[in-house]
C-alpha atoms as a PDB file:
ATOM      1  CA  MET A   1      15.859-124.788  87.850  1.00  0.00           C
ATOM      2  CA  ARG A   2      13.341-122.408  89.357  1.00  0.00           C
ATOM      3  CA  ALA A   3       9.855-122.838  90.756  1.00  0.00           C
ATOM      4  CA  ILE A   4       7.247-120.988  92.764  1.00  0.00           C
ATOM      5  CA  ILE A   5       5.200-122.533  95.569  1.00  0.00           C
ATOM      6  CA  LEU A   6       1.856-120.753  95.891  1.00  0.00           C
ATOM      7  CA  SER A   7       1.348-120.181  99.608  1.00  0.00           C
ATOM      8  CA  ALA A   8      -0.636-116.954  99.933  1.00  0.00           C
ATOM      9  CA  GLY A   9      -4.178-118.290 100.440  1.00  0.00           C
ATOM     10  CA  TYR A  10      -6.217-117.847 103.612  1.00  0.00           C
ATOM     11  CA  GLY A  11      -7.186-121.499 104.006  1.00  0.00           C
ATOM     12  CA  THR A  12     -10.651-120.594 105.277  1.00  0.00           C
ATOM     13  CA  ARG A  13     -11.975-124.151 104.864  1.00  0.00           C
ATOM     14  CA  LEU A  14      -9.220-125.298 107.243  1.00  0.00           C
ATOM     15  CA  TRP A  15     -10.244-122.811 109.921  1.00  0.00           C
ATOM     16  CA  PRO A  16      -9.765-122.796 112.924  1.00  0.00           C
ATOM     17  CA  LEU A  17      -6.405-124.518 112.245  1.00  0.00           C
ATOM     18  CA  THR A  18      -5.499-121.569 110.008  1.00  0.00           C
ATOM     19  CA  GLU A  19      -6.383-118.888 112.535  1.00  0.00           C
ATOM     20  CA  ASP A  20      -2.738-118.493 113.567  1.00  0.00           C
ATOM     21  CA  ARG A  21      -0.970-119.859 110.465  1.00  0.00           C
ATOM     22  CA  THR A  22      -1.444-120.214 106.748  1.00  0.00           C
ATOM     23  CA  LYS A  23      -2.488-123.491 105.139  1.00  0.00           C
ATOM     24  CA  PRO A  24       0.977-124.542 103.851  1.00  0.00           C
ATOM     25  CA  ALA A  25       2.414-124.136 107.369  1.00  0.00           C
ATOM     26  CA  ILE A  26       0.056-126.726 108.873  1.00  0.00           C
ATOM     27  CA  PRO A  27       1.996-129.780 110.095  1.00  0.00           C
ATOM     28  CA  ILE A  28       1.402-133.152 108.457  1.00  0.00           C
ATOM     29  CA  LEU A  29       2.893-135.899 110.626  1.00  0.00           C
ATOM     30  CA  GLY A  30       5.301-133.391 112.152  1.00  0.00           C
ATOM     31  CA  LYS A  31       6.434-131.758 108.902  1.00  0.00           C
ATOM     32  CA  PRO A  32       4.895-128.573 107.485  1.00  0.00           C
ATOM     33  CA  LEU A  33       2.784-129.211 104.390  1.00  0.00           C
ATOM     34  CA  VAL A  34       4.899-126.808 102.348  1.00  0.00           C
ATOM     35  CA  GLY A  35       7.993-128.767 103.422  1.00  0.00           C
ATOM     36  CA  TYR A  36       6.709-131.801 101.504  1.00  0.00           C
ATOM     37  CA  VAL A  37       6.370-129.599  98.415  1.00  0.00           C
ATOM     38  CA  ALA A  38       9.903-128.205  98.806  1.00  0.00           C
ATOM     39  CA  GLU A  39      11.391-131.701  99.159  1.00  0.00           C
ATOM     40  CA  TYR A  40       9.430-132.886  96.142  1.00  0.00           C
ATOM     41  CA  LEU A  41      10.810-130.078  93.992  1.00  0.00           C
ATOM     42  CA  ALA A  42      14.354-130.579  95.282  1.00  0.00           C
ATOM     43  CA  ALA A  43      14.241-134.222  94.169  1.00  0.00           C
ATOM     44  CA  TYR A  44      13.782-133.023  90.568  1.00  0.00           C
ATOM     45  CA  GLY A  45      16.539-130.425  90.663  1.00  0.00           C
ATOM     46  CA  PHE A  46      14.433-127.361  91.420  1.00  0.00           C
ATOM     47  CA  ASP A  47      16.777-125.646  93.856  1.00  0.00           C
ATOM     48  CA  GLU A  48      15.786-121.966  93.546  1.00  0.00           C
ATOM     49  CA  ILE A  49      12.259-121.609  94.844  1.00  0.00           C
ATOM     50  CA  VAL A  50      10.066-118.564  95.369  1.00  0.00           C
ATOM     51  CA  VAL A  51       7.369-118.753  98.043  1.00  0.00           C
ATOM     52  CA  ASN A  52       4.640-116.116  97.849  1.00  0.00           C
ATOM     53  CA  LEU A  53       3.098-115.061 101.148  1.00  0.00           C
ATOM     54  CA  HIS A  54       0.088-113.110 102.362  1.00  0.00           C
ATOM     55  CA  HIS A  55      -1.912-114.545 105.267  1.00  0.00           C
ATOM     56  CA  ARG A  56       0.238-115.124 108.388  1.00  0.00           C
ATOM     57  CA  PRO A  57       3.499-114.905 106.389  1.00  0.00           C
ATOM     58  CA  GLU A  58       5.644-115.500 109.465  1.00  0.00           C
ATOM     59  CA  SER A  59       4.151-118.993 109.852  1.00  0.00           C
ATOM     60  CA  VAL A  60       5.621-120.127 106.511  1.00  0.00           C
ATOM     61  CA  ARG A  61       8.958-118.435 107.198  1.00  0.00           C
ATOM     62  CA  ASN A  62       9.144-120.224 110.547  1.00  0.00           C
ATOM     63  CA  ALA A  63       8.171-123.545 108.956  1.00  0.00           C
ATOM     64  CA  LEU A  64      10.684-123.420 106.095  1.00  0.00           C
ATOM     65  CA  GLY A  65      13.526-121.165 107.245  1.00  0.00           C
ATOM     66  CA  ASP A  66      16.022-120.659 104.437  1.00  0.00           C
ATOM     67  CA  GLY A  67      15.019-123.977 102.867  1.00  0.00           C
ATOM     68  CA  SER A  68      18.355-125.710 103.462  1.00  0.00           C
ATOM     69  CA  ARG A  69      16.885-128.564 105.518  1.00  0.00           C
ATOM     70  CA  PHE A  70      14.615-129.355 102.553  1.00  0.00           C
ATOM     71  CA  GLY A  71      17.442-129.130 100.016  1.00  0.00           C
ATOM     72  CA  VAL A  72      16.472-125.819  98.398  1.00  0.00           C
ATOM     73  CA  LYS A  73      17.204-122.091  98.513  1.00  0.00           C
ATOM     74  CA  LEU A  74      14.095-120.060  99.214  1.00  0.00           C
ATOM     75  CA  HIS A  75      13.114-116.541  98.236  1.00  0.00           C
ATOM     76  CA  TYR A  76      10.107-115.086 100.040  1.00  0.00           C
ATOM     77  CA  VAL A  77       7.873-112.517  98.366  1.00  0.00           C
ATOM     78  CA  GLU A  78       5.015-110.972 100.344  1.00  0.00           C
ATOM     79  CA  GLU A  79       1.780-109.758  98.769  1.00  0.00           C
ATOM     80  CA  PRO A  80       0.204-106.887 100.741  1.00  0.00           C
ATOM     81  CA  GLN A  81      -2.982-107.670  98.812  1.00  0.00           C
ATOM     82  CA  ILE A  82      -3.630-111.187  97.591  1.00  0.00           C
ATOM     83  CA  LEU A  83      -2.959-111.393  93.848  1.00  0.00           C
ATOM     84  CA  GLY A  84      -4.216-114.803  92.657  1.00  0.00           C
ATOM     85  CA  THR A  85      -2.248-117.582  90.985  1.00  0.00           C
ATOM     86  CA  SER A  86      -1.016-115.586  87.993  1.00  0.00           C
ATOM     87  CA  GLY A  87      -0.938-112.295  89.859  1.00  0.00           C
ATOM     88  CA  ALA A  88       1.639-113.997  92.068  1.00  0.00           C
ATOM     89  CA  LEU A  89       3.726-114.628  88.942  1.00  0.00           C
ATOM     90  CA  ASP A  90       3.516-110.976  87.920  1.00  0.00           C
ATOM     91  CA  ASN A  91       4.751-110.045  91.385  1.00  0.00           C
ATOM     92  CA  THR A  92       7.813-112.299  90.931  1.00  0.00           C
ATOM     93  CA  ARG A  93       8.373-112.127  87.160  1.00  0.00           C
ATOM     94  CA  GLU A  94      12.038-111.123  87.506  1.00  0.00           C
ATOM     95  CA  PHE A  95      12.733-114.643  88.856  1.00  0.00           C
ATOM     96  CA  PHE A  96      11.132-116.359  85.879  1.00  0.00           C
ATOM     97  CA  ASP A  97      11.820-114.266  82.790  1.00  0.00           C
ATOM     98  CA  ARG A  98      14.595-116.446  81.312  1.00  0.00           C
ATOM     99  CA  ASP A  99      13.923-120.198  81.428  1.00  0.00           C
ATOM    100  CA  THR A 100      11.184-122.810  81.734  1.00  0.00           C
ATOM    101  CA  PHE A 101       9.827-122.773  85.288  1.00  0.00           C
ATOM    102  CA  LEU A 102       7.361-124.638  87.490  1.00  0.00           C
ATOM    103  CA  VAL A 103       4.351-123.448  89.466  1.00  0.00           C
ATOM    104  CA  VAL A 104       2.984-125.700  92.205  1.00  0.00           C
ATOM    105  CA  ASN A 105       0.259-125.325  94.789  1.00  0.00           C
ATOM    106  CA  GLY A 106       1.527-125.320  98.366  1.00  0.00           C
ATOM    107  CA  LYS A 107      -1.279-127.564  99.672  1.00  0.00           C
ATOM    108  CA  ILE A 108      -0.450-130.879  97.971  1.00  0.00           C
ATOM    109  CA  ILE A 109       1.603-133.978  98.721  1.00  0.00           C
ATOM    110  CA  THR A 110       2.476-135.974  95.611  1.00  0.00           C
ATOM    111  CA  ASP A 111       4.910-138.339  93.916  1.00  0.00           C
ATOM    112  CA  ILE A 112       3.883-137.479  90.330  1.00  0.00           C
ATOM    113  CA  ASP A 113       6.824-137.838  87.911  1.00  0.00           C
ATOM    114  CA  LEU A 114       7.868-134.299  86.995  1.00  0.00           C
ATOM    115  CA  ASN A 115      10.447-135.462  84.458  1.00  0.00           C
ATOM    116  CA  ALA A 116       7.687-137.056  82.382  1.00  0.00           C
ATOM    117  CA  ALA A 117       5.655-133.836  82.585  1.00  0.00           C
ATOM    118  CA  LEU A 118       8.671-131.788  81.456  1.00  0.00           C
ATOM    119  CA  GLU A 119       9.144-134.138  78.516  1.00  0.00           C
ATOM    120  CA  THR A 120       5.515-133.651  77.456  1.00  0.00           C
ATOM    121  CA  HIS A 121       6.001-129.894  77.739  1.00  0.00           C
ATOM    122  CA  ARG A 122       9.023-130.003  75.428  1.00  0.00           C
ATOM    123  CA  GLN A 123       7.449-132.386  72.902  1.00  0.00           C
ATOM    124  CA  MET A 124       4.332-130.236  72.628  1.00  0.00           C
ATOM    125  CA  ASN A 125       6.375-127.029  72.357  1.00  0.00           C
ATOM    126  CA  ALA A 126       3.837-125.656  74.809  1.00  0.00           C
ATOM    127  CA  LEU A 127       3.503-122.228  76.334  1.00  0.00           C
ATOM    128  CA  ALA A 128       2.301-124.023  79.456  1.00  0.00           C
ATOM    129  CA  THR A 129       1.630-127.617  80.460  1.00  0.00           C
ATOM    130  CA  LEU A 130      -0.844-128.592  83.137  1.00  0.00           C
ATOM    131  CA  VAL A 131      -0.466-131.879  84.995  1.00  0.00           C
ATOM    132  CA  LEU A 132      -3.820-133.677  85.107  1.00  0.00           C
ATOM    133  CA  LEU A 133      -5.171-136.758  86.856  1.00  0.00           C
ATOM    134  CA  PRO A 134      -8.275-138.881  86.206  1.00  0.00           C
ATOM    135  CA  ASN A 135     -10.902-137.912  88.782  1.00  0.00           C
ATOM    136  CA  THR A 136     -12.117-141.470  89.271  1.00  0.00           C
ATOM    137  CA  ARG A 137     -14.230-140.609  92.319  1.00  0.00           C
ATOM    138  CA  ARG A 138     -15.689-137.525  90.641  1.00  0.00           C
ATOM    139  CA  GLU A 139     -14.753-135.331  93.587  1.00  0.00           C
ATOM    140  CA  ARG A 140     -15.361-131.584  93.525  1.00  0.00           C
ATOM    141  CA  PHE A 141     -12.470-130.585  91.297  1.00  0.00           C
ATOM    142  CA  SER A 142     -13.152-128.662  88.095  1.00  0.00           C
ATOM    143  CA  VAL A 143     -13.267-130.742  84.918  1.00  0.00           C
ATOM    144  CA  VAL A 144     -10.493-130.089  82.384  1.00  0.00           C
ATOM    145  CA  GLU A 145     -11.356-130.980  78.788  1.00  0.00           C
ATOM    146  CA  THR A 146      -8.629-131.988  76.312  1.00  0.00           C
ATOM    147  CA  GLU A 147      -8.154-132.941  72.678  1.00  0.00           C
ATOM    148  CA  ASP A 148      -4.991-134.266  70.985  1.00  0.00           C
ATOM    149  CA  GLY A 149      -2.858-133.497  74.025  1.00  0.00           C
ATOM    150  CA  ARG A 150      -4.064-129.910  74.321  1.00  0.00           C
ATOM    151  CA  ILE A 151      -6.398-128.362  76.867  1.00  0.00           C
ATOM    152  CA  THR A 152      -9.532-127.050  75.195  1.00  0.00           C
ATOM    153  CA  ARG A 153     -11.725-125.915  78.090  1.00  0.00           C
ATOM    154  CA  PHE A 154     -12.002-125.558  81.841  1.00  0.00           C
ATOM    155  CA  ALA A 155     -15.484-126.756  82.757  1.00  0.00           C
ATOM    156  CA  GLY A 156     -17.570-127.006  85.915  1.00  0.00           C
ATOM    157  CA  MET A 157     -17.688-129.616  88.644  1.00  0.00           C
ATOM    158  CA  PRO A 158     -18.277-133.276  87.726  1.00  0.00           C
ATOM    159  CA  ASP A 159     -21.611-134.957  88.337  1.00  0.00           C
ATOM    160  CA  PRO A 160     -21.011-137.764  90.872  1.00  0.00           C
ATOM    161  CA  ALA A 161     -23.937-139.716  89.422  1.00  0.00           C
ATOM    162  CA  ALA A 162     -22.869-139.383  85.804  1.00  0.00           C
ATOM    163  CA  GLY A 163     -21.570-142.287  83.786  1.00  0.00           C
ATOM    164  CA  GLY A 164     -19.293-142.191  80.783  1.00  0.00           C
ATOM    165  CA  PRO A 165     -15.595-141.315  80.602  1.00  0.00           C
ATOM    166  CA  VAL A 166     -13.741-140.453  83.791  1.00  0.00           C
ATOM    167  CA  PRO A 167     -13.244-136.663  83.939  1.00  0.00           C
ATOM    168  CA  LEU A 168      -9.796-135.114  84.251  1.00  0.00           C
ATOM    169  CA  MET A 169      -8.827-132.722  87.025  1.00  0.00           C
ATOM    170  CA  PHE A 170      -5.950-130.287  87.502  1.00  0.00           C
ATOM    171  CA  THR A 171      -3.325-131.172  90.124  1.00  0.00           C
ATOM    172  CA  GLY A 172      -2.078-127.637  90.783  1.00  0.00           C
ATOM    173  CA  ILE A 173       1.206-128.325  88.963  1.00  0.00           C
ATOM    174  CA  HIS A 174       1.984-126.193  85.886  1.00  0.00           C
ATOM    175  CA  ILE A 175       5.096-125.903  83.714  1.00  0.00           C
ATOM    176  CA  MET A 176       5.473-122.539  81.980  1.00  0.00           C
ATOM    177  CA  GLU A 177       7.611-120.639  79.526  1.00  0.00           C
ATOM    178  CA  PRO A 178       8.566-117.003  80.221  1.00  0.00           C
ATOM    179  CA  ARG A 179       6.308-115.966  77.294  1.00  0.00           C
ATOM    180  CA  ILE A 180       3.389-116.598  79.647  1.00  0.00           C
ATOM    181  CA  PHE A 181       3.994-113.080  80.930  1.00  0.00           C
ATOM    182  CA  ASP A 182       2.646-111.744  77.621  1.00  0.00           C
ATOM    183  CA  TYR A 183      -0.750-112.804  78.990  1.00  0.00           C
ATOM    184  CA  VAL A 184      -0.322-111.934  82.679  1.00  0.00           C
ATOM    185  CA  PRO A 185      -1.683-108.473  83.543  1.00  0.00           C
ATOM    186  CA  ARG A 186       0.566-106.121  85.490  1.00  0.00           C
ATOM    187  CA  ALA A 187      -0.192-105.274  89.118  1.00  0.00           C
ATOM    188  CA  LEU A 188      -3.666-106.836  89.137  1.00  0.00           C
ATOM    189  CA  PHE A 189      -5.377-109.815  90.719  1.00  0.00           C
ATOM    190  CA  SER A 190      -5.504-112.581  88.122  1.00  0.00           C
ATOM    191  CA  ASP A 191      -5.963-116.324  88.002  1.00  0.00           C
ATOM    192  CA  SER A 192      -4.147-118.609  85.576  1.00  0.00           C
ATOM    193  CA  VAL A 193      -7.105-120.886  84.830  1.00  0.00           C
ATOM    194  CA  THR A 194      -9.746-118.141  84.704  1.00  0.00           C
ATOM    195  CA  HIS A 195      -7.886-115.268  83.056  1.00  0.00           C
ATOM    196  CA  VAL A 196      -4.537-116.261  81.539  1.00  0.00           C
ATOM    197  CA  TYR A 197      -4.970-119.681  79.901  1.00  0.00           C
ATOM    198  CA  PRO A 198      -8.281-118.929  78.110  1.00  0.00           C
ATOM    199  CA  GLN A 199      -6.760-115.780  76.604  1.00  0.00           C
ATOM    200  CA  ALA A 200      -3.638-117.670  75.504  1.00  0.00           C
ATOM    201  CA  MET A 201      -5.689-120.505  73.971  1.00  0.00           C
ATOM    202  CA  ALA A 202      -7.873-118.013  72.124  1.00  0.00           C
ATOM    203  CA  ASN A 203      -4.656-116.617  70.661  1.00  0.00           C
ATOM    204  CA  GLY A 204      -3.644-120.042  69.355  1.00  0.00           C
ATOM    205  CA  GLU A 205      -1.110-120.894  72.041  1.00  0.00           C
ATOM    206  CA  VAL A 206      -0.519-124.524  73.007  1.00  0.00           C
ATOM    207  CA  ILE A 207      -1.614-125.226  76.577  1.00  0.00           C
ATOM    208  CA  ALA A 208      -0.652-128.876  76.871  1.00  0.00           C
ATOM    209  CA  ALA A 209      -2.228-131.593  78.998  1.00  0.00           C
ATOM    210  CA  HIS A 210       0.037-134.092  80.718  1.00  0.00           C
ATOM    211  CA  VAL A 211      -2.282-136.840  81.951  1.00  0.00           C
ATOM    212  CA  THR A 212      -0.557-138.993  84.536  1.00  0.00           C
ATOM    213  CA  ASN A 213      -1.071-141.183  87.562  1.00  0.00           C
ATOM    214  CA  GLY A 214       0.608-141.287  90.923  1.00  0.00           C
ATOM    215  CA  LYS A 215      -0.116-140.441  94.514  1.00  0.00           C
ATOM    216  CA  TRP A 216      -1.706-137.011  94.918  1.00  0.00           C
ATOM    217  CA  ARG A 217      -3.137-135.665  98.130  1.00  0.00           C
ATOM    218  CA  GLU A 218      -4.774-132.267  98.392  1.00  0.00           C
ATOM    219  CA  LEU A 219      -5.410-130.878 101.859  1.00  0.00           C
ATOM    220  CA  SER A 220      -7.880-128.028 101.507  1.00  0.00           C
ATOM    221  CA  THR A 221     -10.580-128.989 104.027  1.00  0.00           C
ATOM    222  CA  LEU A 222     -10.597-130.167 107.634  1.00  0.00           C
ATOM    223  CA  LYS A 223     -12.091-133.509 106.621  1.00  0.00           C
ATOM    224  CA  ARG A 224      -9.437-134.093 103.951  1.00  0.00           C
ATOM    225  CA  TYR A 225      -6.663-133.017 106.317  1.00  0.00           C
ATOM    226  CA  LEU A 226      -7.768-135.513 108.975  1.00  0.00           C
ATOM    227  CA  GLU A 227      -8.439-138.379 106.542  1.00  0.00           C
ATOM    228  CA  ILE A 228      -5.163-137.952 104.663  1.00  0.00           C
ATOM    229  CA  SER A 229      -3.190-137.660 107.908  1.00  0.00           C
ATOM    230  CA  ILE A 230      -4.751-140.906 109.178  1.00  0.00           C
ATOM    231  CA  GLU A 231      -4.047-142.569 105.828  1.00  0.00           C
ATOM    232  CA  MET A 232      -0.393-141.555 106.094  1.00  0.00           C
ATOM    233  CA  LEU A 233      -0.291-142.676 109.737  1.00  0.00           C
ATOM    234  CA  LYS A 234      -1.457-146.145 108.748  1.00  0.00           C
ATOM    235  CA  GLU A 235       1.285-146.305 106.112  1.00  0.00           C
ATOM    236  CA  THR A 236       3.844-145.840 108.905  1.00  0.00           C
ATOM    237  CA  GLY A 237       2.100-148.260 111.280  1.00  0.00           C
ATOM    238  CA  GLN A 238       1.369-145.564 113.867  1.00  0.00           C
ATOM    239  CA  SER A 239      -1.909-144.952 115.691  1.00  0.00           C
ATOM    240  CA  HIS A 240      -1.159-141.286 116.377  1.00  0.00           C
ATOM    241  CA  VAL A 241       1.573-138.705 115.986  1.00  0.00           C
ATOM    242  CA  THR A 242       2.675-136.051 118.467  1.00  0.00           C
ATOM    243  CA  GLY A 243       4.498-132.766 118.156  1.00  0.00           C
ATOM    244  CA  THR A 244       6.975-131.479 120.726  1.00  0.00           C
ATOM    245  CA  GLY A 245       6.187-131.148 124.415  1.00  0.00           C
ATOM    246  CA  CYS A 246       3.107-133.389 124.481  1.00  0.00           C
ATOM    247  CA  ASP A 247       1.998-135.154 127.669  1.00  0.00           C
ATOM    248  CA  ILE A 248      -0.395-138.113 127.348  1.00  0.00           C
ATOM    249  CA  SER A 249      -1.541-139.855 130.514  1.00  0.00           C
ATOM    250  CA  PRO A 250      -0.738-143.589 130.546  1.00  0.00           C
ATOM    251  CA  SER A 251      -4.426-144.324 131.173  1.00  0.00           C
ATOM    252  CA  ALA A 252      -5.608-142.211 128.219  1.00  0.00           C
ATOM    253  CA  SER A 253      -6.507-143.729 124.843  1.00  0.00           C
ATOM    254  CA  VAL A 254      -5.392-141.967 121.630  1.00  0.00           C
ATOM    255  CA  THR A 255      -6.112-143.520 118.228  1.00  0.00           C
ATOM    256  CA  ASP A 256      -6.071-142.251 114.643  1.00  0.00           C
ATOM    257  CA  SER A 257      -5.230-138.751 115.829  1.00  0.00           C
ATOM    258  CA  ILE A 258      -2.786-135.926 115.159  1.00  0.00           C
ATOM    259  CA  LEU A 259      -1.412-133.956 118.089  1.00  0.00           C
ATOM    260  CA  TRP A 260       0.425-130.705 117.446  1.00  0.00           C
ATOM    261  CA  ASP A 261       2.793-129.161 120.010  1.00  0.00           C
ATOM    262  CA  ASP A 262       2.316-129.016 123.804  1.00  0.00           C
ATOM    263  CA  VAL A 263      -0.909-131.037 123.849  1.00  0.00           C
ATOM    264  CA  ARG A 264      -1.946-132.562 127.182  1.00  0.00           C
ATOM    265  CA  ILE A 265      -4.374-135.457 127.553  1.00  0.00           C
ATOM    266  CA  GLY A 266      -5.628-136.275 131.034  1.00  0.00           C
ATOM    267  CA  PRO A 267      -6.130-139.652 132.766  1.00  0.00           C
ATOM    268  CA  GLY A 268      -8.917-141.794 131.354  1.00  0.00           C
ATOM    269  CA  ALA A 269      -9.547-139.484 128.394  1.00  0.00           C
ATOM    270  CA  ARG A 270     -10.368-141.028 125.012  1.00  0.00           C
ATOM    271  CA  VAL A 271      -9.379-139.325 121.773  1.00  0.00           C
ATOM    272  CA  SER A 272     -10.227-140.887 118.406  1.00  0.00           C
ATOM    273  CA  ARG A 273      -9.989-139.472 114.862  1.00  0.00           C
ATOM    274  CA  CYS A 274      -9.070-135.991 116.024  1.00  0.00           C
ATOM    275  CA  VAL A 275      -6.675-133.163 115.348  1.00  0.00           C
ATOM    276  CA  LEU A 276      -5.579-131.448 118.557  1.00  0.00           C
ATOM    277  CA  ALA A 277      -3.838-128.152 117.815  1.00  0.00           C
ATOM    278  CA  ASP A 278      -1.113-126.404 119.834  1.00  0.00           C
ATOM    279  CA  ASP A 279      -1.604-126.116 123.622  1.00  0.00           C
ATOM    280  CA  VAL A 280      -4.905-128.013 123.712  1.00  0.00           C
ATOM    281  CA  THR A 281      -5.705-129.817 126.972  1.00  0.00           C
ATOM    282  CA  ILE A 282      -8.191-132.697 127.019  1.00  0.00           C
ATOM    283  CA  PRO A 283      -9.452-133.044 130.614  1.00  0.00           C
ATOM    284  CA  ALA A 284      -9.493-136.323 132.534  1.00  0.00           C
ATOM    285  CA  ASP A 285     -12.159-138.801 131.396  1.00  0.00           C
ATOM    286  CA  ASP A 286     -13.254-136.562 128.491  1.00  0.00           C
ATOM    287  CA  VAL A 287     -14.207-138.222 125.185  1.00  0.00           C
ATOM    288  CA  VAL A 288     -13.450-136.475 121.891  1.00  0.00           C
ATOM    289  CA  GLU A 289     -14.147-138.132 118.552  1.00  0.00           C
ATOM    290  CA  ASN A 290     -14.121-137.076 114.895  1.00  0.00           C
ATOM    291  CA  SER A 291     -13.262-133.494 115.725  1.00  0.00           C
ATOM    292  CA  ILE A 292     -10.813-130.644 115.266  1.00  0.00           C
ATOM    293  CA  VAL A 293      -9.869-129.013 118.553  1.00  0.00           C
ATOM    294  CA  VAL A 294      -8.082-125.700 119.182  1.00  0.00           C
ATOM    295  CA  ARG A 295      -7.711-123.754 122.409  1.00  0.00           C
ATOM    296  CA  ARG A 296     -10.606-121.446 123.192  1.00  0.00           C
ATOM    297  CA  GLU A 297      -8.551-118.261 123.392  1.00  0.00           C
ATOM    298  CA  LEU A 298      -7.347-118.665 119.794  1.00  0.00           C
ATOM    299  CA  VAL A 299     -10.781-118.009 118.278  1.00  0.00           C
ATOM    300  CA  GLU A 300     -12.935-116.498 121.019  1.00  0.00           C
ATOM    301  CA  GLY A 301     -14.458-113.221 119.876  1.00  0.00           C
ATOM    302  CA  LYS A 302     -13.416-113.778 116.255  1.00  0.00           C
ATOM    303  CA  LYS A 303     -15.762-114.182 113.312  1.00  0.00           C
ATOM    304  CA  ARG A 304     -15.936-117.599 111.685  1.00  0.00           C
ATOM    305  CA  PRO A 305     -14.989-117.398 107.983  1.00  0.00           C
ATOM    306  CA  GLU A 306     -17.846-117.964 105.548  1.00  0.00           C
ATOM    307  CA  LYS A 307     -16.534-121.313 104.253  1.00  0.00           C
ATOM    308  CA  ALA A 308     -15.501-122.647 107.671  1.00  0.00           C
ATOM    309  CA  LEU A 309     -17.369-125.354 109.550  1.00  0.00           C
ATOM    310  CA  PRO A 310     -19.204-124.374 112.772  1.00  0.00           C
ATOM    311  CA  GLY A 311     -17.930-125.394 116.188  1.00  0.00           C
ATOM    312  CA  ASP A 312     -18.685-125.067 119.892  1.00  0.00           C
ATOM    313  CA  PHE A 313     -16.822-123.897 122.959  1.00  0.00           C
ATOM    314  CA  ARG A 314     -16.322-126.692 125.459  1.00  0.00           C
ATOM    315  CA  GLY A 315     -14.510-125.513 128.534  1.00  0.00           C
ATOM    316  CA  GLU A 316     -11.110-124.197 127.443  1.00  0.00           C
ATOM    317  CA  ASN A 317     -11.418-125.713 123.962  1.00  0.00           C
ATOM    318  CA  PHE A 318     -13.165-124.893 120.697  1.00  0.00           C
ATOM    319  CA  VAL A 319     -14.346-128.097 119.023  1.00  0.00           C
ATOM    320  CA  VAL A 320     -15.370-128.509 115.377  1.00  0.00           C
ATOM    321  CA  PRO A 321     -17.129-131.855 114.803  1.00  0.00           C
ATOM    322  CA  LEU A 322     -16.618-133.502 111.418  1.00  0.00           C
END
């Protein structure tokens, strides 16, 4: 079975962590985010996987290799210009023009039952099936409206103060038939939710809704990345996780934190609820809390992306408080 992992985005809300890598290549407890997605797909028999690339493509190639350690065979396809979620399909349509295939966002960690979603797709005889979850906390994920198992409309953001039924949100997991390409424009930027699905629904096609439950974590902002990493740390009973080549002084305190590679923490330093990226040094007796820290030279002289949080230079580090 074949699938595509969408990995071409810039990840501007995760800047500065995405200055030197793309979002799916960011490590989560020592494993690249996109590695979790590859393992998830492998567990359901998806063994031929396309990964689309644009921003910092080498970071995903380095993170995944040929895919064998995650149980899959990978095919990389680079987009010189970013094409959007369905534009990425057009760019790889020769992989998917024969059988049912899966599209999944490269920024999620989940245990949602794909077999159940595939069964819904078959029962509904759908052109495409979107996997949905109840948005019980009314977070900022677009509302998906349904009727009789079919998607009827993609709406705006939920009102956190509203009562009534719990809105549904899209998980970034779609199941599609090759006929979807009848609605995907050639060689253009296009988005499945904005451009392709509304056109297909207007033409009478079945776009099915598979409403499910299960663990689903989406890591698109610095705050979500830190909170989800800490949540996963607590599940393993750890107070922090380190990459390779880290050096933590015995008199330093490190709690609820994620250290990437070659991080050094000096004597008496205190680090709490932080992400310390590659090659960061925390000086002796320094205190860093609730922050994302990268080395100064990584971002100095570069423009902060529009959606990125502001930060400050502190010595040899650039610190983004959360």
